[in-house]
Structure formats: C-alpha cells, structure tokens
PDB file of N, CA and C in Angstrom:
ATOM      1  N   MET A   1      -8.299  -7.146 -10.290  1.00  0.00           N
ATOM      2  CA  MET A   1      -6.860  -7.026 -10.297  1.00  0.00           C
ATOM      3  C   MET A   1      -6.253  -8.416 -10.232  1.00  0.00           C
ATOM      4  N   ASP A   2      -5.206  -8.640 -10.978  1.00  0.00           N
ATOM      5  CA  ASP A   2      -4.568  -9.948 -10.999  1.00  0.00           C
ATOM      6  C   ASP A   2      -3.901 -10.231  -9.663  1.00  0.00           C
ATOM      7  N   ASN A   3      -4.062 -11.474  -9.200  1.00  0.00           N
ATOM      8  CA  ASN A   3      -3.315 -11.934  -8.041  1.00  0.00           C
ATOM      9  C   ASN A   3      -2.202 -12.827  -8.556  1.00  0.00           C
ATOM     10  N   TYR A   4      -1.041 -12.700  -7.976  1.00  0.00           N
ATOM     11  CA  TYR A   4       0.096 -13.497  -8.381  1.00  0.00           C
ATOM     12  C   TYR A   4       0.440 -14.462  -7.270  1.00  0.00           C
ATOM     13  N   ASP A   5       1.046 -15.557  -7.635  1.00  0.00           N
ATOM     14  CA  ASP A   5       1.468 -16.534  -6.645  1.00  0.00           C
ATOM     15  C   ASP A   5       2.868 -16.168  -6.173  1.00  0.00           C
ATOM     16  N   TRP A   6       2.930 -15.094  -5.390  1.00  0.00           N
ATOM     17  CA  TRP A   6       4.201 -14.639  -4.844  1.00  0.00           C
ATOM     18  C   TRP A   6       4.299 -15.168  -3.421  1.00  0.00           C
ATOM     19  N   PRO A   7       5.201 -16.103  -3.164  1.00  0.00           N
ATOM     20  CA  PRO A   7       5.301 -16.685  -1.821  1.00  0.00           C
ATOM     21  C   PRO A   7       5.452 -15.601  -0.746  1.00  0.00           C
ATOM     22  N   GLY A   8       4.635 -15.690   0.285  1.00  0.00           N
ATOM     23  CA  GLY A   8       4.703 -14.763   1.408  1.00  0.00           C
ATOM     24  C   GLY A   8       3.826 -13.533   1.275  1.00  0.00           C
ATOM     25  N   TRP A   9       3.338 -13.243   0.066  1.00  0.00           N
ATOM     26  CA  TRP A   9       2.505 -12.060  -0.145  1.00  0.00           C
ATOM     27  C   TRP A   9       1.030 -12.417  -0.006  1.00  0.00           C
ATOM     28  N   THR A  10       0.256 -11.483   0.505  1.00  0.00           N
ATOM     29  CA  THR A  10      -1.194 -11.657   0.547  1.00  0.00           C
ATOM     30  C   THR A  10      -1.753 -11.398  -0.853  1.00  0.00           C
ATOM     31  N   ASP A  11      -3.012 -11.738  -1.060  1.00  0.00           N
ATOM     32  CA  ASP A  11      -3.703 -11.330  -2.281  1.00  0.00           C
ATOM     33  C   ASP A  11      -4.002  -9.841  -2.165  1.00  0.00           C
ATOM     34  N   TRP A  12      -4.340  -9.199  -3.276  1.00  0.00           N
ATOM     35  CA  TRP A  12      -4.760  -7.806  -3.234  1.00  0.00           C
ATOM     36  C   TRP A  12      -6.054  -7.710  -2.442  1.00  0.00           C
ATOM     37  N   VAL A  13      -6.138  -6.723  -1.576  1.00  0.00           N
ATOM     38  CA  VAL A  13      -7.314  -6.477  -0.744  1.00  0.00           C
ATOM     39  C   VAL A  13      -7.637  -4.990  -0.829  1.00  0.00           C
ATOM     40  N   LEU A  14      -8.922  -4.667  -0.900  1.00  0.00           N
ATOM     41  CA  LEU A  14      -9.293  -3.255  -0.859  1.00  0.00           C
ATOM     42  C   LEU A  14      -8.819  -2.662   0.467  1.00  0.00           C
ATOM     43  N   LEU A  15      -8.137  -1.552   0.406  1.00  0.00           N
ATOM     44  CA  LEU A  15      -7.591  -0.927   1.607  1.00  0.00           C
ATOM     45  C   LEU A  15      -8.683  -0.631   2.620  1.00  0.00           C
ATOM     46  N   LYS A  16      -9.849  -0.193   2.142  1.00  0.00           N
ATOM     47  CA  LYS A  16     -10.939   0.133   3.068  1.00  0.00           C
ATOM     48  C   LYS A  16     -11.504  -1.102   3.763  1.00  0.00           C
ATOM     49  N   GLU A  17     -11.283  -2.296   3.177  1.00  0.00           N
ATOM     50  CA  GLU A  17     -11.792  -3.533   3.768  1.00  0.00           C
ATOM     51  C   GLU A  17     -10.725  -4.308   4.541  1.00  0.00           C
ATOM     52  N   LEU A  18      -9.489  -3.822   4.507  1.00  0.00           N
ATOM     53  CA  LEU A  18      -8.403  -4.492   5.201  1.00  0.00           C
ATOM     54  C   LEU A  18      -8.603  -4.352   6.705  1.00  0.00           C
ATOM     55  N   ASP A  19      -8.732  -5.479   7.383  1.00  0.00           N
ATOM     56  CA  ASP A  19      -8.929  -5.490   8.830  1.00  0.00           C
ATOM     57  C   ASP A  19      -7.614  -5.129   9.511  1.00  0.00           C
ATOM     58  N   ARG A  20      -7.633  -4.018  10.231  1.00  0.00           N
ATOM     59  CA  ARG A  20      -6.403  -3.550  10.888  1.00  0.00           C
ATOM     60  C   ARG A  20      -5.801  -4.615  11.801  1.00  0.00           C
ATOM     61  N   ALA A  21      -6.655  -5.405  12.446  1.00  0.00           N
ATOM     62  CA  ALA A  21      -6.166  -6.451  13.350  1.00  0.00           C
ATOM     63  C   ALA A  21      -5.410  -7.546  12.598  1.00  0.00           C
ATOM     64  N   SER A  22      -5.668  -7.687  11.301  1.00  0.00           N
ATOM     65  CA  SER A  22      -5.003  -8.734  10.524  1.00  0.00           C
ATOM     66  C   SER A  22      -3.630  -8.295  10.004  1.00  0.00           C
ATOM     67  N   ILE A  23      -3.319  -7.019  10.117  1.00  0.00           N
ATOM     68  CA  ILE A  23      -2.029  -6.519   9.649  1.00  0.00           C
ATOM     69  C   ILE A  23      -0.994  -6.761  10.740  1.00  0.00           C
ATOM     70  N   PRO A  24       0.097  -7.445  10.420  1.00  0.00           N
ATOM     71  CA  PRO A  24       1.095  -7.712  11.462  1.00  0.00           C
ATOM     72  C   PRO A  24       1.800  -6.443  11.925  1.00  0.00           C
ATOM     73  N   ASP A  25       2.076  -6.372  13.212  1.00  0.00           N
ATOM     74  CA  ASP A  25       2.845  -5.248  13.740  1.00  0.00           C
ATOM     75  C   ASP A  25       4.320  -5.650  13.773  1.00  0.00           C
ATOM     76  N   GLN A  26       4.769  -6.151  12.632  1.00  0.00           N
ATOM     77  CA  GLN A  26       6.117  -6.652  12.448  1.00  0.00           C
ATOM     78  C   GLN A  26       6.682  -6.080  11.148  1.00  0.00           C
ATOM     79  N   PRO A  27       7.980  -6.274  10.908  1.00  0.00           N
ATOM     80  CA  PRO A  27       8.575  -5.774   9.666  1.00  0.00           C
ATOM     81  C   PRO A  27       7.953  -6.406   8.434  1.00  0.00           C
ATOM     82  N   GLY A  28       7.903  -5.634   7.369  1.00  0.00           N
ATOM     83  CA  GLY A  28       7.372  -6.164   6.128  1.00  0.00           C
ATOM     84  C   GLY A  28       7.452  -5.168   4.993  1.00  0.00           C
ATOM     85  N   VAL A  29       6.962  -5.611   3.856  1.00  0.00           N
ATOM     86  CA  VAL A  29       6.935  -4.834   2.633  1.00  0.00           C
ATOM     87  C   VAL A  29       5.485  -4.739   2.197  1.00  0.00           C
ATOM     88  N   TYR A  30       5.115  -3.612   1.580  1.00  0.00           N
ATOM     89  CA  TYR A  30       3.746  -3.437   1.128  1.00  0.00           C
ATOM     90  C   TYR A  30       3.709  -2.748  -0.224  1.00  0.00           C
ATOM     91  N   MET A  31       2.622  -2.965  -0.943  1.00  0.00           N
ATOM     92  CA  MET A  31       2.345  -2.250  -2.178  1.00  0.00           C
ATOM     93  C   MET A  31       0.936  -1.701  -2.081  1.00  0.00           C
ATOM     94  N   ILE A  32       0.762  -0.484  -2.538  1.00  0.00           N
ATOM     95  CA  ILE A  32      -0.554   0.147  -2.596  1.00  0.00           C
ATOM     96  C   ILE A  32      -0.789   0.486  -4.059  1.00  0.00           C
ATOM     97  N   ALA A  33      -1.957   0.110  -4.567  1.00  0.00           N
ATOM     98  CA  ALA A  33      -2.206   0.261  -5.998  1.00  0.00           C
ATOM     99  C   ALA A  33      -3.620   0.748  -6.269  1.00  0.00           C
ATOM    100  N   ALA A  34      -3.776   1.369  -7.440  1.00  0.00           N
ATOM    101  CA  ALA A  34      -5.090   1.746  -7.941  1.00  0.00           C
ATOM    102  C   ALA A  34      -5.724   0.483  -8.529  1.00  0.00           C
ATOM    103  N   HIS A  35      -6.990   0.513  -8.707  1.00  0.00           N
ATOM    104  CA  HIS A  35      -7.688  -0.646  -9.255  1.00  0.00           C
ATOM    105  C   HIS A  35      -7.852  -0.477 -10.765  1.00  0.00           C
ATOM    106  N   ARG A  36      -6.742  -0.076 -11.428  1.00  0.00           N
ATOM    107  CA  ARG A  36      -6.781   0.122 -12.872  1.00  0.00           C
ATOM    108  C   ARG A  36      -5.369   0.269 -13.426  1.00  0.00           C
ATOM    109  N   ARG A  37      -5.265   0.157 -14.716  1.00  0.00           N
ATOM    110  CA  ARG A  37      -3.972   0.336 -15.382  1.00  0.00           C
ATOM    111  C   ARG A  37      -3.593   1.811 -15.387  1.00  0.00           C
ATOM    112  N   ILE A  38      -2.294   2.052 -15.296  1.00  0.00           N
ATOM    113  CA  ILE A  38      -1.783   3.417 -15.355  1.00  0.00           C
ATOM    114  C   ILE A  38      -0.742   3.468 -16.468  1.00  0.00           C
ATOM    115  N   HIS A  39      -0.884   4.415 -17.369  1.00  0.00           N
ATOM    116  CA  HIS A  39       0.097   4.581 -18.436  1.00  0.00           C
ATOM    117  C   HIS A  39       1.275   5.377 -17.894  1.00  0.00           C
ATOM    118  N   ARG A  40       2.439   4.790 -18.013  1.00  0.00           N
ATOM    119  CA  ARG A  40       3.670   5.396 -17.517  1.00  0.00           C
ATOM    120  C   ARG A  40       4.557   5.768 -18.714  1.00  0.00           C
ATOM    121  N   ALA A  41       5.653   6.417 -18.445  1.00  0.00           N
ATOM    122  CA  ALA A  41       6.570   6.846 -19.507  1.00  0.00           C
ATOM    123  C   ALA A  41       7.109   5.674 -20.325  1.00  0.00           C
ATOM    124  N   HIS A  42       7.308   4.522 -19.681  1.00  0.00           N
ATOM    125  CA  HIS A  42       7.897   3.375 -20.372  1.00  0.00           C
ATOM    126  C   HIS A  42       6.894   2.253 -20.605  1.00  0.00           C
ATOM    127  N   GLY A  43       5.612   2.558 -20.635  1.00  0.00           N
ATOM    128  CA  GLY A  43       4.609   1.532 -20.901  1.00  0.00           C
ATOM    129  C   GLY A  43       3.483   1.561 -19.893  1.00  0.00           C
ATOM    130  N   THR A  44       2.689   0.511 -19.905  1.00  0.00           N
ATOM    131  CA  THR A  44       1.517   0.433 -19.046  1.00  0.00           C
ATOM    132  C   THR A  44       1.816  -0.371 -17.792  1.00  0.00           C
ATOM    133  N   ASP A  45       1.464   0.189 -16.655  1.00  0.00           N
ATOM    134  CA  ASP A  45       1.580  -0.479 -15.359  1.00  0.00           C
ATOM    135  C   ASP A  45       0.243  -1.175 -15.117  1.00  0.00           C
ATOM    136  N   LYS A  46       0.196  -2.498 -15.304  1.00  0.00           N
ATOM    137  CA  LYS A  46      -1.058  -3.248 -15.201  1.00  0.00           C
ATOM    138  C   LYS A  46      -1.648  -3.210 -13.796  1.00  0.00           C
ATOM    139  N   GLN A  47      -0.802  -3.136 -12.787  1.00  0.00           N
ATOM    140  CA  GLN A  47      -1.279  -3.137 -11.403  1.00  0.00           C
ATOM    141  C   GLN A  47      -1.660  -1.741 -10.914  1.00  0.00           C
ATOM    142  N   GLY A  48      -1.166  -0.697 -11.557  1.00  0.00           N
ATOM    143  CA  GLY A  48      -1.450   0.663 -11.110  1.00  0.00           C
ATOM    144  C   GLY A  48      -0.799   0.980  -9.781  1.00  0.00           C
ATOM    145  N   ILE A  49       0.453   0.581  -9.610  1.00  0.00           N
ATOM    146  CA  ILE A  49       1.165   0.760  -8.339  1.00  0.00           C
ATOM    147  C   ILE A  49       1.287   2.248  -8.008  1.00  0.00           C
ATOM    148  N   LEU A  50       0.835   2.620  -6.822  1.00  0.00           N
ATOM    149  CA  LEU A  50       0.933   3.996  -6.338  1.00  0.00           C
ATOM    150  C   LEU A  50       2.070   4.163  -5.342  1.00  0.00           C
ATOM    151  N   ASP A  51       2.365   3.114  -4.586  1.00  0.00           N
ATOM    152  CA  ASP A  51       3.428   3.192  -3.584  1.00  0.00           C
ATOM    153  C   ASP A  51       3.923   1.799  -3.256  1.00  0.00           C
ATOM    154  N   ILE A  52       5.221   1.673  -3.076  1.00  0.00           N
ATOM    155  CA  ILE A  52       5.854   0.449  -2.584  1.00  0.00           C
ATOM    156  C   ILE A  52       6.710   0.889  -1.415  1.00  0.00           C
ATOM    157  N   GLY A  53       6.624   0.157  -0.326  1.00  0.00           N
ATOM    158  CA  GLY A  53       7.414   0.553   0.828  1.00  0.00           C
ATOM    159  C   GLY A  53       7.738  -0.606   1.736  1.00  0.00           C
ATOM    160  N   GLU A  54       8.565  -0.321   2.705  1.00  0.00           N
ATOM    161  CA  GLU A  54       8.913  -1.288   3.737  1.00  0.00           C
ATOM    162  C   GLU A  54       8.801  -0.595   5.085  1.00  0.00           C
ATOM    163  N   SER A  55       8.631  -1.385   6.111  1.00  0.00           N
ATOM    164  CA  SER A  55       8.464  -0.802   7.426  1.00  0.00           C
ATOM    165  C   SER A  55       8.892  -1.786   8.507  1.00  0.00           C
ATOM    166  N   ASP A  56       9.289  -1.252   9.634  1.00  0.00           N
ATOM    167  CA  ASP A  56       9.548  -2.092  10.802  1.00  0.00           C
ATOM    168  C   ASP A  56       8.237  -2.546  11.435  1.00  0.00           C
ATOM    169  N   ASN A  57       7.146  -1.841  11.126  1.00  0.00           N
ATOM    170  CA  ASN A  57       5.833  -2.161  11.684  1.00  0.00           C
ATOM    171  C   ASN A  57       4.775  -1.893  10.606  1.00  0.00           C
ATOM    172  N   LEU A  58       4.360  -2.952   9.898  1.00  0.00           N
ATOM    173  CA  LEU A  58       3.389  -2.805   8.811  1.00  0.00           C
ATOM    174  C   LEU A  58       2.079  -2.175   9.272  1.00  0.00           C
ATOM    175  N   LYS A  59       1.604  -2.580  10.436  1.00  0.00           N
ATOM    176  CA  LYS A  59       0.325  -2.063  10.940  1.00  0.00           C
ATOM    177  C   LYS A  59       0.357  -0.537  11.057  1.00  0.00           C
ATOM    178  N   LYS A  60       1.421  -0.016  11.670  1.00  0.00           N
ATOM    179  CA  LYS A  60       1.535   1.442  11.837  1.00  0.00           C
ATOM    180  C   LYS A  60       1.710   2.144  10.492  1.00  0.00           C
ATOM    181  N   ARG A  61       2.459   1.523   9.584  1.00  0.00           N
ATOM    182  CA  ARG A  61       2.728   2.156   8.291  1.00  0.00           C
ATOM    183  C   ARG A  61       1.470   2.237   7.430  1.00  0.00           C
ATOM    184  N   ILE A  62       0.697   1.170   7.388  1.00  0.00           N
ATOM    185  CA  ILE A  62      -0.548   1.179   6.615  1.00  0.00           C
ATOM    186  C   ILE A  62      -1.536   2.146   7.249  1.00  0.00           C
ATOM    187  N   ALA A  63      -1.587   2.193   8.583  1.00  0.00           N
ATOM    188  CA  ALA A  63      -2.465   3.149   9.278  1.00  0.00           C
ATOM    189  C   ALA A  63      -2.050   4.584   8.946  1.00  0.00           C
ATOM    190  N   ALA A  64      -0.745   4.841   8.853  1.00  0.00           N
ATOM    191  CA  ALA A  64      -0.268   6.181   8.513  1.00  0.00           C
ATOM    192  C   ALA A  64      -0.673   6.556   7.087  1.00  0.00           C
ATOM    193  N   PHE A  65      -0.577   5.599   6.140  1.00  0.00           N
ATOM    194  CA  PHE A  65      -1.014   5.891   4.775  1.00  0.00           C
ATOM    195  C   PHE A  65      -2.499   6.228   4.758  1.00  0.00           C
ATOM    196  N   ARG A  66      -3.298   5.404   5.428  1.00  0.00           N
ATOM    197  CA  ARG A  66      -4.754   5.647   5.466  1.00  0.00           C
ATOM    198  C   ARG A  66      -5.059   7.042   6.005  1.00  0.00           C
ATOM    199  N   ALA A  67      -4.476   7.363   7.157  1.00  0.00           N
ATOM    200  CA  ALA A  67      -4.759   8.648   7.814  1.00  0.00           C
ATOM    201  C   ALA A  67      -4.331   9.827   6.945  1.00  0.00           C
ATOM    202  N   CYS A  68      -3.153   9.743   6.359  1.00  0.00           N
ATOM    203  CA  CYS A  68      -2.663  10.846   5.515  1.00  0.00           C
ATOM    204  C   CYS A  68      -3.463  10.954   4.220  1.00  0.00           C
ATOM    205  N   SER A  69      -3.802   9.836   3.606  1.00  0.00           N
ATOM    206  CA  SER A  69      -4.518   9.868   2.329  1.00  0.00           C
ATOM    207  C   SER A  69      -5.957  10.359   2.486  1.00  0.00           C
ATOM    208  N   LEU A  70      -6.497  10.261   3.684  1.00  0.00           N
ATOM    209  CA  LEU A  70      -7.852  10.764   3.952  1.00  0.00           C
ATOM    210  C   LEU A  70      -7.831  12.189   4.500  1.00  0.00           C
ATOM    211  N   GLY A  71      -6.634  12.732   4.737  1.00  0.00           N
ATOM    212  CA  GLY A  71      -6.509  14.095   5.242  1.00  0.00           C
ATOM    213  C   GLY A  71      -6.648  14.216   6.742  1.00  0.00           C
ATOM    214  N   HIS A  72      -6.598  13.096   7.463  1.00  0.00           N
ATOM    215  CA  HIS A  72      -6.718  13.127   8.927  1.00  0.00           C
ATOM    216  C   HIS A  72      -5.403  13.492   9.596  1.00  0.00           C
ATOM    217  N   ARG A  73      -4.296  13.293   8.875  1.00  0.00           N
ATOM    218  CA  ARG A  73      -2.966  13.652   9.371  1.00  0.00           C
ATOM    219  C   ARG A  73      -2.217  14.333   8.246  1.00  0.00           C
ATOM    220  N   ASN A  74      -1.277  15.204   8.592  1.00  0.00           N
ATOM    221  CA  ASN A  74      -0.497  15.859   7.546  1.00  0.00           C
ATOM    222  C   ASN A  74       0.971  15.441   7.575  1.00  0.00           C
ATOM    223  N   ARG A  75       1.300  14.419   8.342  1.00  0.00           N
ATOM    224  CA  ARG A  75       2.645  13.861   8.333  1.00  0.00           C
ATOM    225  C   ARG A  75       2.584  12.398   8.741  1.00  0.00           C
ATOM    226  N   GLY A  76       3.631  11.667   8.366  1.00  0.00           N
ATOM    227  CA  GLY A  76       3.690  10.251   8.730  1.00  0.00           C
ATOM    228  C   GLY A  76       3.790   9.321   7.536  1.00  0.00           C
ATOM    229  N   HIS A  77       3.293   9.768   6.369  1.00  0.00           N
ATOM    230  CA  HIS A  77       3.416   8.945   5.165  1.00  0.00           C
ATOM    231  C   HIS A  77       3.341   9.861   3.947  1.00  0.00           C
ATOM    232  N   MET A  78       4.488  10.080   3.309  1.00  0.00           N
ATOM    233  CA  MET A  78       4.562  11.046   2.209  1.00  0.00           C
ATOM    234  C   MET A  78       3.635  10.678   1.048  1.00  0.00           C
ATOM    235  N   ALA A  79       3.553   9.402   0.676  1.00  0.00           N
ATOM    236  CA  ALA A  79       2.670   9.022  -0.437  1.00  0.00           C
ATOM    237  C   ALA A  79       1.211   9.281  -0.069  1.00  0.00           C
ATOM    238  N   GLY A  80       0.846   9.018   1.166  1.00  0.00           N
ATOM    239  CA  GLY A  80      -0.516   9.311   1.621  1.00  0.00           C
ATOM    240  C   GLY A  80      -0.795  10.797   1.613  1.00  0.00           C
ATOM    241  N   TRP A  81       0.177  11.588   2.038  1.00  0.00           N
ATOM    242  CA  TRP A  81       0.041  13.046   2.037  1.00  0.00           C
ATOM    243  C   TRP A  81      -0.160  13.558   0.616  1.00  0.00           C
ATOM    244  N   ARG A  82       0.679  13.064  -0.334  1.00  0.00           N
ATOM    245  CA  ARG A  82       0.533  13.483  -1.733  1.00  0.00           C
ATOM    246  C   ARG A  82      -0.822  13.061  -2.296  1.00  0.00           C
ATOM    247  N   PHE A  83      -1.265  11.857  -1.969  1.00  0.00           N
ATOM    248  CA  PHE A  83      -2.554  11.359  -2.444  1.00  0.00           C
ATOM    249  C   PHE A  83      -3.663  12.338  -2.070  1.00  0.00           C
ATOM    250  N   TYR A  84      -3.651  12.794  -0.834  1.00  0.00           N
ATOM    251  CA  TYR A  84      -4.681  13.722  -0.359  1.00  0.00           C
ATOM    252  C   TYR A  84      -4.487  15.138  -0.917  1.00  0.00           C
ATOM    253  N   ASN A  85      -3.300  15.676  -0.793  1.00  0.00           N
ATOM    254  CA  ASN A  85      -3.058  17.076  -1.150  1.00  0.00           C
ATOM    255  C   ASN A  85      -3.059  17.363  -2.640  1.00  0.00           C
ATOM    256  N   PHE A  86      -2.791  16.366  -3.451  1.00  0.00           N
ATOM    257  CA  PHE A  86      -2.844  16.553  -4.899  1.00  0.00           C
ATOM    258  C   PHE A  86      -4.125  15.995  -5.502  1.00  0.00           C
ATOM    259  N   ASN A  87      -5.103  15.703  -4.640  1.00  0.00           N
ATOM    260  CA  ASN A  87      -6.429  15.237  -5.055  1.00  0.00           C
ATOM    261  C   ASN A  87      -6.390  14.016  -5.965  1.00  0.00           C
ATOM    262  N   PHE A  88      -5.497  13.072  -5.660  1.00  0.00           N
ATOM    263  CA  PHE A  88      -5.439  11.846  -6.456  1.00  0.00           C
ATOM    264  C   PHE A  88      -6.730  11.044  -6.369  1.00  0.00           C
ATOM    265  N   ASP A  89      -7.497  11.257  -5.295  1.00  0.00           N
ATOM    266  CA  ASP A  89      -8.749  10.512  -5.174  1.00  0.00           C
ATOM    267  C   ASP A  89      -9.746  10.868  -6.277  1.00  0.00           C
ATOM    268  N   SER A  90      -9.547  11.996  -6.961  1.00  0.00           N
ATOM    269  CA  SER A  90     -10.423  12.338  -8.078  1.00  0.00           C
ATOM    270  C   SER A  90     -10.119  11.454  -9.294  1.00  0.00           C
ATOM    271  N   ILE A  91      -8.906  10.891  -9.346  1.00  0.00           N
ATOM    272  CA  ILE A  91      -8.514   9.991 -10.429  1.00  0.00           C
ATOM    273  C   ILE A  91      -8.580   8.534  -9.973  1.00  0.00           C
ATOM    274  N   PHE A  92      -8.110   8.304  -8.763  1.00  0.00           N
ATOM    275  CA  PHE A  92      -8.079   6.965  -8.176  1.00  0.00           C
ATOM    276  C   PHE A  92      -8.945   6.978  -6.918  1.00  0.00           C
ATOM    277  N   PRO A  93     -10.240   6.692  -7.040  1.00  0.00           N
ATOM    278  CA  PRO A  93     -11.128   6.765  -5.875  1.00  0.00           C
ATOM    279  C   PRO A  93     -10.611   5.933  -4.692  1.00  0.00           C
ATOM    280  N   HIS A  94     -10.641   6.541  -3.529  1.00  0.00           N
ATOM    281  CA  HIS A  94     -10.112   5.912  -2.318  1.00  0.00           C
ATOM    282  C   HIS A  94     -10.734   4.543  -2.072  1.00  0.00           C
ATOM    283  N   GLU A  95     -12.012   4.379  -2.386  1.00  0.00           N
ATOM    284  CA  GLU A  95     -12.678   3.100  -2.124  1.00  0.00           C
ATOM    285  C   GLU A  95     -12.202   1.988  -3.048  1.00  0.00           C
ATOM    286  N   LYS A  96     -11.393   2.309  -4.065  1.00  0.00           N
ATOM    287  CA  LYS A  96     -10.878   1.276  -4.965  1.00  0.00           C
ATOM    288  C   LYS A  96      -9.381   1.028  -4.793  1.00  0.00           C
ATOM    289  N   ILE A  97      -8.755   1.699  -3.838  1.00  0.00           N
ATOM    290  CA  ILE A  97      -7.321   1.511  -3.591  1.00  0.00           C
ATOM    291  C   ILE A  97      -7.117   0.133  -2.958  1.00  0.00           C
ATOM    292  N   MET A  98      -6.122  -0.593  -3.467  1.00  0.00           N
ATOM    293  CA  MET A  98      -5.840  -1.958  -3.028  1.00  0.00           C
ATOM    294  C   MET A  98      -4.503  -2.000  -2.281  1.00  0.00           C
ATOM    295  N   ASP A  99      -4.333  -3.043  -1.478  1.00  0.00           N
ATOM    296  CA  ASP A  99      -3.121  -3.221  -0.703  1.00  0.00           C
ATOM    297  C   ASP A  99      -2.691  -4.677  -0.775  1.00  0.00           C
ATOM    298  N   MET A 100      -1.393  -4.904  -0.760  1.00  0.00           N
ATOM    299  CA  MET A 100      -0.810  -6.239  -0.772  1.00  0.00           C
ATOM    300  C   MET A 100       0.368  -6.208   0.188  1.00  0.00           C
ATOM    301  N   LEU A 101       0.478  -7.194   1.070  1.00  0.00           N
ATOM    302  CA  LEU A 101       1.497  -7.186   2.121  1.00  0.00           C
ATOM    303  C   LEU A 101       2.371  -8.425   2.068  1.00  0.00           C
ATOM    304  N   GLU A 102       3.612  -8.273   2.515  1.00  0.00           N
ATOM    305  CA  GLU A 102       4.478  -9.416   2.764  1.00  0.00           C
ATOM    306  C   GLU A 102       5.102  -9.234   4.137  1.00  0.00           C
ATOM    307  N   ASN A 103       4.884 -10.202   5.007  1.00  0.00           N
ATOM    308  CA  ASN A 103       5.450 -10.180   6.348  1.00  0.00           C
ATOM    309  C   ASN A 103       6.876 -10.696   6.263  1.00  0.00           C
ATOM    310  N   MET A 104       7.830  -9.886   6.670  1.00  0.00           N
ATOM    311  CA  MET A 104       9.242 -10.244   6.550  1.00  0.00           C
ATOM    312  C   MET A 104       9.845 -10.720   7.869  1.00  0.00           C
ATOM    313  N   SER A 105       9.085 -10.739   8.947  1.00  0.00           N
ATOM    314  CA  SER A 105       9.676 -10.972  10.262  1.00  0.00           C
ATOM    315  C   SER A 105      10.328 -12.336  10.409  1.00  0.00           C
ATOM    316  N   ALA A 106       9.825 -13.347   9.713  1.00  0.00           N
ATOM    317  CA  ALA A 106      10.356 -14.688   9.877  1.00  0.00           C
ATOM    318  C   ALA A 106      11.442 -15.024   8.858  1.00  0.00           C
ATOM    319  N   LYS A 107      11.796 -14.063   8.010  1.00  0.00           N
ATOM    320  CA  LYS A 107      12.733 -14.336   6.932  1.00  0.00           C
ATOM    321  C   LYS A 107      14.118 -13.783   7.240  1.00  0.00           C
ATOM    322  N   LYS A 108      15.118 -14.528   6.856  1.00  0.00           N
ATOM    323  CA  LYS A 108      16.490 -14.046   6.971  1.00  0.00           C
ATOM    324  C   LYS A 108      16.727 -13.063   5.849  1.00  0.00           C
ATOM    325  N   GLY A 109      17.552 -12.073   6.103  1.00  0.00           N
ATOM    326  CA  GLY A 109      17.879 -11.100   5.061  1.00  0.00           C
ATOM    327  C   GLY A 109      16.747 -10.143   4.798  1.00  0.00           C
ATOM    328  N   SER A 110      15.914  -9.886   5.774  1.00  0.00           N
ATOM    329  CA  SER A 110      14.822  -8.923   5.614  1.00  0.00           C
ATOM    330  C   SER A 110      15.349  -7.584   5.151  1.00  0.00           C
ATOM    331  N   LEU A 111      14.543  -6.885   4.384  1.00  0.00           N
ATOM    332  CA  LEU A 111      14.926  -5.553   3.922  1.00  0.00           C
ATOM    333  C   LEU A 111      14.926  -4.553   5.071  1.00  0.00           C
ATOM    334  N   CYS A 112      14.182  -4.857   6.116  1.00  0.00           N
ATOM    335  CA  CYS A 112      14.066  -3.939   7.256  1.00  0.00           C
ATOM    336  C   CYS A 112      15.162  -4.260   8.273  1.00  0.00           C
ATOM    337  N   PRO A 113      15.816  -3.229   8.820  1.00  0.00           N
ATOM    338  CA  PRO A 113      16.883  -3.475   9.815  1.00  0.00           C
ATOM    339  C   PRO A 113      16.337  -4.035  11.109  1.00  0.00           C
TER     340      PRO A 113
END
C-alpha cells in the first residue's frame, strides 16, 4: 500500500500488528483500509478505504473497531459491526486490514471538540 508524506499521519500499519500501547488515548483522526483497490461508482479507490473517522480517544475507538469487526462486541463502532455482520472479511481478510492515524491533540482547530 502506498504511504504518503502527510504531516502528522503514521504510515499504514496492519491493524492486527498495531501495538495498542502505541495508539494515543487522545483526540485524532483515523483511516481503516483494505489492502487492495476497490472499484467505486466514480472510479477506483487505490487505498481501499473502508472507514474514516475521528475520536476524542483514538485508542478506545480503534479498540472498538477491532472488537466489533471480530464479533466480540455488537455495539461501539458501526463500521466494525457492519464488517462482521455483513461478512466483509470474506472479501477483505481481517489480517490484511490496515490502519493510519493522525494525532490531533497538539493541533489548533482539531476536528474533535
């Protein structure tokens, strides 16, 4: 997967290999993507973005996606719930799902209140 030089963003990391301790428990923005191109109505999505979100606590939000997408919880993250309940893992294997984070806590004008 291509990495971009986006100031403040991490490189893409496999979600299963993302160390929970390294995720800030602060406000931020995240993207969760498949490890492949996805054909959309208006063209090809090279990154295969499955979810983009923001949170007051990135650590809790990513943990909620993981738990819901694996079927361990049935509430807390709608995209994770859909991933599990609509069997998206048959198309996008869970072990290939990637994550990219931006910590917003030190920035003025954060998207998070």
